[in-house]
Amino acid sequence: MESLSFENVISLINVFVSGLLIAFLLTAKSKGKTSNTLLVLFLLVNAQDASGMLASYFVYPKFPGWGMIINSTVFFKMPLLFLYIQSIVYSDFKLKKIHLLHLIPWVLNLLILMPRYFAVDFDAKWAFLNAIDYRNTIEIRTSYILVHIQILVYLIMSFILIKKYKTLLLENYSNANLFNHKWLFQLILLFAIEAFIASLKNAFMFLHLENAYKYTLMVTGLLALGFICWIVLKALHSPELFRGVNSNLQLVKNIAHEEHHISEIDSLESPEITALKKYMKEEKPYLNASLTIYDLSKEINMNVRDLSLLINHDLNQHFFDFVNEYRIEKAKEILRDSEQVELTILEILYDVGFNSKSSFNTAFKKHTNLTPTQYRQNALKSVA
């Protein structure tokens, strides 16, 4: 029996790990059933693309047409990953008929292969596959070009979506622990690196650079395995990362453009802004660690759209930064108070509306250029 190559061993491990994840996702009790389903489908397609063993050893010998169809499921990988990200970003995400448009590249690929492959008999299919180098045929070259264009387009779309998601979180929430845009950015960045190495591998294959192709094939396999394991650690073991926003939420710059809204940054003492600042100082809603712009709008009896424009556009601040300024000012007040010196930094950050030391330290240093401890030491020295 022929021994397995290193690449085949990595492929088998990849398939095995993917299988374990799929089994876990299918049996795990979770509110995110749509997300889990999309991730399961992505893992299936990714495992097939990484190994190709199912089609090569079990399907092609008897059913070459179905073998090519299985291989062409690589066109499902990026749409599934993009839809998975959408299902995390938007709390009200649902699969719709319009999402079938993501199948267009796959259908185009089948149409390209139709005349000289799918439309011919068994023997002609094998003649196509057993050509001196069938990968140099116009159909296969076009398929590779099409899939790489698709990957590039979806990567750009994913980065744009994550950037929008980050802005929506900053404009509507004050709890930094709910922000998972960094994780999503890392996810797409890792996939982009893997896709870049895979593109090099395919380029080496077409240029007949066998050694370079072999090495990049091994690297791609290892990256694919690492990518899947990383998804597990982040997606399955850190469910608190996920905070979806409503898909109807709009970016403030779009709202302002639609309404031809002019910023009031030069007239900060407008009645609305004055009333808002007075409410923040007197009622201290920022002490609520989970305060959202929707909560604040109800408290001050103002339309959430108007309040969003007032803070995120007129004051030229994200809601997140606007609320944190009041929290930091309250923290500074406590840190300067010699009668409250017994309070620890951890106690203070919880008292003023933060719920993690890292987010408090980051925000405090952003506003004062000092750590909370340094600020307290300087303040108490000046008093003494």
Protein backbone atom coordinates (compact mmCIF):
# COMPACT_ATOMS: atom_id res chain seq x y z
CA MET A 1 0.00 0.00 0.00
CA GLU A 2 1.33 3.44 -0.96
CA SER A 3 2.32 5.53 2.07
CA LEU A 4 0.53 8.76 2.76
CA SER A 5 2.35 12.00 1.99
CA PHE A 6 2.66 14.81 4.55
CA GLU A 7 0.05 16.82 2.63
CA ASN A 8 -2.39 13.88 2.76
CA VAL A 9 -1.84 13.46 6.50
CA ILE A 10 -2.60 17.16 7.08
CA SER A 11 -5.69 16.84 4.87
CA LEU A 12 -6.94 13.85 6.88
CA ILE A 13 -6.39 15.73 10.15
CA ASN A 14 -8.23 18.70 8.66
CA VAL A 15 -11.18 16.51 7.71
CA PHE A 16 -11.17 14.81 11.12
CA VAL A 17 -11.12 18.09 13.09
CA SER A 18 -13.81 19.56 10.82
CA GLY A 19 -15.92 16.45 11.40
CA LEU A 20 -15.65 16.82 15.17
CA LEU A 21 -16.65 20.48 14.94
CA ILE A 22 -19.57 19.71 12.68
CA ALA A 23 -20.80 17.00 15.07
CA PHE A 24 -20.52 19.43 17.97
CA LEU A 25 -22.34 22.22 16.15
CA LEU A 26 -25.17 19.91 15.09
CA THR A 27 -25.73 18.65 18.64
CA ALA A 28 -25.00 21.81 20.63
CA LYS A 29 -27.92 23.72 22.09
CA SER A 30 -27.64 27.27 20.84
CA LYS A 31 -29.82 30.25 19.99
CA GLY A 32 -27.76 30.88 16.87
CA LYS A 33 -29.06 27.96 14.81
CA THR A 34 -28.70 29.83 11.52
CA SER A 35 -25.11 30.79 12.34
CA ASN A 36 -24.30 27.21 13.34
CA THR A 37 -25.84 25.85 10.13
CA LEU A 38 -23.85 28.26 7.98
CA LEU A 39 -20.66 27.39 9.86
CA VAL A 40 -21.34 23.66 9.42
CA LEU A 41 -21.78 24.11 5.66
CA PHE A 42 -18.63 26.26 5.49
CA LEU A 43 -16.64 23.59 7.35
CA LEU A 44 -17.90 20.87 5.00
CA VAL A 45 -16.94 22.83 1.89
CA ASN A 46 -13.64 23.95 3.40
CA ALA A 47 -12.70 20.35 4.34
CA GLN A 48 -13.49 19.16 0.82
CA ASP A 49 -11.51 22.00 -0.73
CA ALA A 50 -8.54 21.41 1.60
CA SER A 51 -8.33 17.67 0.94
CA GLY A 52 -10.19 16.84 -2.27
CA MET A 53 -10.01 13.19 -1.21
CA LEU A 54 -13.74 12.50 -1.32
CA ALA A 55 -14.03 13.43 -4.98
CA SER A 56 -10.63 12.08 -6.08
CA TYR A 57 -10.81 8.61 -4.52
CA PHE A 58 -14.52 7.81 -4.30
CA VAL A 59 -16.49 9.83 -6.84
CA TYR A 60 -14.40 10.61 -9.94
CA PRO A 61 -13.62 6.94 -10.84
CA LYS A 62 -17.30 6.07 -11.30
CA PHE A 63 -19.05 9.43 -11.55
CA PRO A 64 -16.67 12.01 -13.07
CA GLY A 65 -19.51 14.48 -13.57
CA TRP A 66 -20.45 14.46 -9.91
CA GLY A 67 -16.77 14.59 -8.99
CA MET A 68 -16.39 17.89 -10.83
CA ILE A 69 -19.57 19.24 -9.21
CA ILE A 70 -18.21 18.36 -5.76
CA ASN A 71 -14.93 20.12 -6.54
CA SER A 72 -16.81 23.16 -7.78
CA THR A 73 -18.39 23.60 -4.33
CA VAL A 74 -15.29 25.71 -3.63
CA PHE A 75 -17.49 28.50 -5.03
CA PHE A 76 -19.72 28.09 -1.95
CA LYS A 77 -16.92 28.76 0.54
CA MET A 78 -16.75 32.57 0.44
CA PRO A 79 -20.54 33.12 0.26
CA LEU A 80 -21.02 30.83 3.28
CA LEU A 81 -18.32 32.65 5.25
CA PHE A 82 -19.83 36.03 4.32
CA LEU A 83 -23.33 34.91 5.30
CA TYR A 84 -21.93 33.51 8.56
CA ILE A 85 -20.44 36.93 9.35
CA GLN A 86 -23.76 38.61 8.48
CA SER A 87 -25.59 36.22 10.83
CA ILE A 88 -23.27 37.35 13.65
CA VAL A 89 -23.38 41.04 12.79
CA TYR A 90 -27.17 41.27 12.47
CA SER A 91 -29.30 39.96 15.33
CA ASP A 92 -32.34 39.66 13.03
CA PHE A 93 -30.52 37.90 10.17
CA LYS A 94 -32.56 35.34 8.23
CA LEU A 95 -31.79 33.39 5.07
CA LYS A 96 -33.84 34.72 2.16
CA LYS A 97 -34.39 33.87 -1.49
CA ILE A 98 -32.23 36.83 -2.50
CA HIS A 99 -29.23 35.04 -0.98
CA LEU A 100 -29.46 32.57 -3.87
CA LEU A 101 -27.72 35.27 -5.93
CA HIS A 102 -24.52 34.12 -4.21
CA LEU A 103 -24.75 31.00 -6.40
CA ILE A 104 -24.13 32.98 -9.62
CA PRO A 105 -20.35 32.29 -9.79
CA TRP A 106 -20.98 28.56 -9.24
CA VAL A 107 -23.59 28.49 -12.00
CA LEU A 108 -21.23 30.38 -14.35
CA ASN A 109 -18.54 27.81 -13.63
CA LEU A 110 -20.89 24.94 -14.50
CA LEU A 111 -21.87 26.69 -17.74
CA ILE A 112 -18.20 27.14 -18.67
CA LEU A 113 -17.60 23.40 -18.20
CA MET A 114 -20.84 22.34 -19.84
CA PRO A 115 -19.87 22.01 -23.57
CA ARG A 116 -16.70 19.92 -23.25
CA TYR A 117 -17.31 18.19 -19.93
CA PHE A 118 -20.81 17.94 -18.47
CA ALA A 119 -22.56 17.61 -21.87
CA VAL A 120 -20.37 14.69 -23.06
CA ASP A 121 -20.40 10.97 -22.20
CA PHE A 122 -18.34 9.08 -19.62
CA ASP A 123 -15.43 8.30 -21.96
CA ALA A 124 -15.20 11.91 -23.15
CA LYS A 125 -15.13 13.11 -19.56
CA TRP A 126 -12.23 10.81 -18.79
CA ALA A 127 -10.47 11.90 -21.97
CA PHE A 128 -10.78 15.50 -20.72
CA LEU A 129 -9.43 14.60 -17.26
CA ASN A 130 -6.63 12.41 -18.61
CA ALA A 131 -5.34 14.97 -21.05
CA ILE A 132 -1.61 15.71 -20.80
CA ASP A 133 -2.42 18.59 -18.45
CA TYR A 134 -6.15 19.19 -18.22
CA ARG A 135 -5.55 22.07 -15.80
CA ASN A 136 -4.18 24.07 -18.72
CA THR A 137 -7.46 23.84 -20.61
CA ILE A 138 -9.31 27.11 -21.11
CA GLU A 139 -12.22 25.88 -18.96
CA ILE A 140 -10.12 25.02 -15.91
CA ARG A 141 -8.01 28.17 -16.19
CA THR A 142 -11.19 30.25 -16.39
CA SER A 143 -12.60 28.46 -13.34
CA TYR A 144 -9.50 29.25 -11.31
CA ILE A 145 -9.57 32.90 -12.40
CA LEU A 146 -13.29 33.11 -11.53
CA VAL A 147 -12.84 31.65 -8.05
CA HIS A 148 -9.96 34.02 -7.25
CA ILE A 149 -11.99 37.03 -8.40
CA GLN A 150 -14.83 35.79 -6.19
CA ILE A 151 -12.53 35.47 -3.17
CA LEU A 152 -11.20 39.01 -3.65
CA VAL A 153 -14.71 40.49 -4.00
CA TYR A 154 -16.02 38.72 -0.91
CA LEU A 155 -12.99 39.69 1.16
CA ILE A 156 -13.58 43.34 0.28
CA MET A 157 -17.30 42.99 1.06
CA SER A 158 -16.48 41.35 4.41
CA PHE A 159 -14.04 44.09 5.45
CA ILE A 160 -16.61 46.77 4.51
CA LEU A 161 -19.32 44.96 6.52
CA ILE A 162 -17.08 44.67 9.59
CA LYS A 163 -16.12 48.35 9.38
CA LYS A 164 -19.81 49.28 9.22
CA TYR A 165 -20.53 46.96 12.15
CA LYS A 166 -17.80 48.61 14.25
CA THR A 167 -19.24 52.07 13.55
CA LEU A 168 -22.80 50.97 14.41
CA LEU A 169 -21.60 49.55 17.72
CA LEU A 170 -19.77 52.78 18.57
CA GLU A 171 -22.80 54.87 17.61
CA ASN A 172 -25.33 52.85 19.62
CA TYR A 173 -23.66 51.04 22.55
CA SER A 174 -21.50 51.99 25.52
CA ASN A 175 -20.42 48.53 26.69
CA ALA A 176 -17.07 47.67 25.08
CA ASN A 177 -17.39 44.01 26.13
CA LEU A 178 -20.11 43.59 23.53
CA PHE A 179 -17.83 44.66 20.68
CA ASN A 180 -16.63 41.68 18.64
CA HIS A 181 -15.59 43.53 15.50
CA LYS A 182 -11.92 42.90 16.29
CA TRP A 183 -12.51 39.16 16.32
CA LEU A 184 -14.35 39.34 13.00
CA PHE A 185 -11.57 41.45 11.49
CA GLN A 186 -8.98 38.89 12.65
CA LEU A 187 -11.11 36.10 11.20
CA ILE A 188 -11.21 37.66 7.73
CA LEU A 189 -7.56 38.72 7.91
CA LEU A 190 -6.48 35.14 8.66
CA PHE A 191 -8.65 33.86 5.84
CA ALA A 192 -7.18 36.49 3.50
CA ILE A 193 -3.66 35.30 4.35
CA GLU A 194 -4.67 31.69 3.70
CA ALA A 195 -6.31 32.71 0.41
CA PHE A 196 -3.16 34.61 -0.66
CA ILE A 197 -0.94 31.56 -0.02
CA ALA A 198 -3.45 29.37 -1.86
CA SER A 199 -3.33 31.78 -4.82
CA LEU A 200 0.46 31.48 -4.89
CA LYS A 201 0.10 27.71 -4.80
CA ASN A 202 -2.20 27.75 -7.83
CA ALA A 203 0.10 30.14 -9.68
CA PHE A 204 3.05 27.79 -9.07
CA MET A 205 0.91 24.89 -10.31
CA PHE A 206 0.13 26.60 -13.62
CA LEU A 207 3.76 27.68 -14.01
CA HIS A 208 4.89 24.07 -13.40
CA LEU A 209 7.13 25.09 -10.49
CA GLU A 210 6.81 21.74 -8.73
CA ASN A 211 8.94 22.41 -5.63
CA ALA A 212 7.34 25.78 -4.92
CA TYR A 213 3.90 24.22 -5.49
CA LYS A 214 4.66 21.37 -3.06
CA TYR A 215 5.83 23.70 -0.28
CA THR A 216 2.92 26.12 -0.65
CA LEU A 217 0.54 23.13 -0.71
CA MET A 218 1.86 22.06 2.71
CA VAL A 219 1.66 25.63 4.06
CA THR A 220 -1.91 25.99 2.77
CA GLY A 221 -2.91 22.73 4.47
CA LEU A 222 -1.41 23.82 7.78
CA LEU A 223 -3.03 27.26 7.54
CA ALA A 224 -6.42 25.70 6.77
CA LEU A 225 -6.08 23.43 9.82
CA GLY A 226 -5.02 26.33 12.04
CA PHE A 227 -7.85 28.47 10.69
CA ILE A 228 -10.48 25.89 11.63
CA CYS A 229 -9.03 25.35 15.11
CA TRP A 230 -8.97 29.10 15.66
CA ILE A 231 -12.65 29.38 14.71
CA VAL A 232 -13.45 26.80 17.38
CA LEU A 233 -11.59 28.58 20.15
CA LYS A 234 -13.19 31.91 19.32
CA ALA A 235 -16.66 31.06 18.08
CA LEU A 236 -17.53 28.14 20.34
CA HIS A 237 -15.74 28.96 23.58
CA SER A 238 -16.45 32.70 23.64
CA PRO A 239 -20.21 33.07 23.00
CA GLU A 240 -20.20 36.34 24.96
CA LEU A 241 -18.32 37.89 22.03
CA PHE A 242 -21.40 37.95 19.90
CA ARG A 243 -23.54 41.09 19.86
CA GLY A 244 -25.63 41.46 16.77
CA VAL A 245 -27.19 44.76 15.74
CA ASN A 246 -30.52 45.21 14.05
CA SER A 247 -30.17 45.25 10.27
CA ASN A 248 -32.41 48.32 10.10
CA LEU A 249 -29.85 50.41 11.96
CA GLN A 250 -28.29 53.02 9.72
CA LEU A 251 -24.96 54.75 9.92
CA VAL A 252 -25.38 58.31 11.19
CA LYS A 253 -23.55 59.77 8.19
CA ASN A 254 -26.18 58.15 5.93
CA ILE A 255 -29.04 59.50 8.05
CA ALA A 256 -27.51 62.99 8.01
CA HIS A 257 -27.07 62.80 4.24
CA GLU A 258 -30.67 61.68 3.70
CA GLU A 259 -32.03 64.49 5.86
CA HIS A 260 -29.50 67.10 4.64
CA HIS A 261 -28.69 67.58 8.32
CA ILE A 262 -26.15 70.31 9.07
CA SER A 263 -23.83 69.81 12.04
CA GLU A 264 -24.32 72.09 15.02
CA ILE A 265 -20.74 71.62 16.20
CA ASP A 266 -20.19 75.39 16.23
CA SER A 267 -23.22 76.04 18.43
CA LEU A 268 -22.74 73.56 21.27
CA GLU A 269 -25.14 75.46 23.51
CA SER A 270 -28.21 74.65 21.43
CA PRO A 271 -31.23 73.84 23.65
CA GLU A 272 -31.11 70.11 22.85
CA ILE A 273 -27.40 69.75 23.58
CA THR A 274 -27.65 71.84 26.75
CA ALA A 275 -30.54 69.71 27.99
CA LEU A 276 -28.70 66.50 27.15
CA LYS A 277 -25.53 67.55 28.98
CA LYS A 278 -27.56 68.68 32.00
CA TYR A 279 -29.34 65.31 32.13
CA MET A 280 -26.04 63.41 31.88
CA LYS A 281 -24.52 65.38 34.78
CA GLU A 282 -27.54 65.35 37.07
CA GLU A 283 -29.13 61.93 36.43
CA LYS A 284 -25.89 60.06 35.65
CA PRO A 285 -27.35 57.47 33.21
CA TYR A 286 -23.76 56.55 32.26
CA LEU A 287 -23.47 54.59 35.52
CA ASN A 288 -25.49 51.89 33.75
CA ALA A 289 -22.76 49.70 32.20
CA SER A 290 -25.09 48.43 29.47
CA LEU A 291 -26.51 51.83 28.49
CA THR A 292 -27.51 52.06 24.81
CA ILE A 293 -28.58 55.04 22.77
CA TYR A 294 -32.08 53.53 22.68
CA ASP A 295 -32.17 53.43 26.51
CA LEU A 296 -31.03 57.06 26.76
CA SER A 297 -33.57 58.21 24.17
CA LYS A 298 -36.38 56.71 26.26
CA GLU A 299 -35.06 58.33 29.43
CA ILE A 300 -34.97 61.84 27.94
CA ASN A 301 -38.09 61.29 25.82
CA MET A 302 -36.33 61.99 22.51
CA ASN A 303 -36.60 60.11 19.23
CA VAL A 304 -33.62 57.74 19.01
CA ARG A 305 -32.87 58.91 15.47
CA ASP A 306 -32.71 62.55 16.59
CA LEU A 307 -30.56 61.67 19.60
CA SER A 308 -28.18 59.70 17.41
CA LEU A 309 -27.79 62.68 15.09
CA LEU A 310 -27.30 64.99 18.05
CA ILE A 311 -24.47 62.96 19.58
CA ASN A 312 -22.83 61.13 16.69
CA HIS A 313 -23.14 63.98 14.18
CA ASP A 314 -23.66 67.35 15.87
CA LEU A 315 -21.23 66.70 18.73
CA ASN A 316 -18.94 64.81 16.34
CA GLN A 317 -18.56 61.97 18.84
CA HIS A 318 -19.55 58.35 18.80
CA PHE A 319 -22.11 57.53 21.48
CA PHE A 320 -19.52 55.16 22.98
CA ASP A 321 -16.99 57.98 23.47
CA PHE A 322 -19.65 60.46 24.58
CA VAL A 323 -20.78 58.21 27.45
CA ASN A 324 -17.24 57.21 28.39
CA GLU A 325 -16.24 60.86 28.84
CA TYR A 326 -18.74 61.17 31.67
CA ARG A 327 -17.59 57.88 33.17
CA ILE A 328 -13.96 59.01 33.09
CA GLU A 329 -14.80 62.39 34.64
CA LYS A 330 -16.62 60.58 37.46
CA ALA A 331 -13.66 58.25 37.91
CA LYS A 332 -11.26 61.22 38.06
CA GLU A 333 -13.45 62.81 40.72
CA ILE A 334 -13.25 59.65 42.87
CA LEU A 335 -9.49 59.23 42.28
CA ARG A 336 -8.87 62.83 43.43
CA ASP A 337 -10.88 62.32 46.61
CA SER A 338 -8.52 61.56 49.51
CA GLU A 339 -11.47 60.24 51.53
CA GLN A 340 -12.04 57.47 48.96
CA VAL A 341 -8.42 56.37 48.70
CA GLU A 342 -9.36 52.96 50.10
CA LEU A 343 -11.37 52.18 46.96
CA THR A 344 -9.47 49.98 44.50
CA ILE A 345 -9.25 50.76 40.80
CA LEU A 346 -11.47 47.74 40.13
CA GLU A 347 -14.16 49.01 42.49
CA ILE A 348 -14.03 52.48 40.94
CA LEU A 349 -14.37 51.27 37.35
CA TYR A 350 -17.46 49.26 38.24
CA ASP A 351 -18.90 52.21 40.18
CA VAL A 352 -18.62 54.57 37.19
CA GLY A 353 -20.17 52.21 34.60
CA PHE A 354 -17.31 50.19 33.15
CA ASN A 355 -17.34 46.41 33.39
CA SER A 356 -13.79 45.45 32.47
CA LYS A 357 -10.39 46.67 33.59
CA SER A 358 -8.94 46.65 30.08
CA SER A 359 -11.66 48.87 28.58
CA PHE A 360 -11.45 51.24 31.57
CA ASN A 361 -7.66 51.58 31.35
CA THR A 362 -7.82 52.14 27.59
CA ALA A 363 -10.51 54.82 27.87
CA PHE A 364 -8.84 56.51 30.86
CA LYS A 365 -5.47 56.73 29.15
CA LYS A 366 -7.12 58.03 25.98
CA HIS A 367 -8.65 60.94 27.90
CA THR A 368 -5.82 61.72 30.35
CA ASN A 369 -2.63 60.20 28.90
CA LEU A 370 -2.18 58.57 32.32
CA THR A 371 -3.15 55.27 33.88
CA PRO A 372 -5.73 55.47 36.71
CA THR A 373 -3.02 54.67 39.25
CA GLN A 374 -0.70 57.40 37.93
CA TYR A 375 -3.55 59.91 37.93
CA ARG A 376 -4.46 59.09 41.55
CA GLN A 377 -0.84 59.37 42.70
CA ASN A 378 -0.39 62.76 41.01
CA ALA A 379 -3.70 64.07 42.32
CA LEU A 380 -3.06 63.01 45.93
CA LYS A 381 0.48 64.45 45.84
CA SER A 382 -0.80 67.83 44.74
CA VAL A 383 -3.36 67.82 47.56
CA ALA A 384 -0.73 66.88 50.12
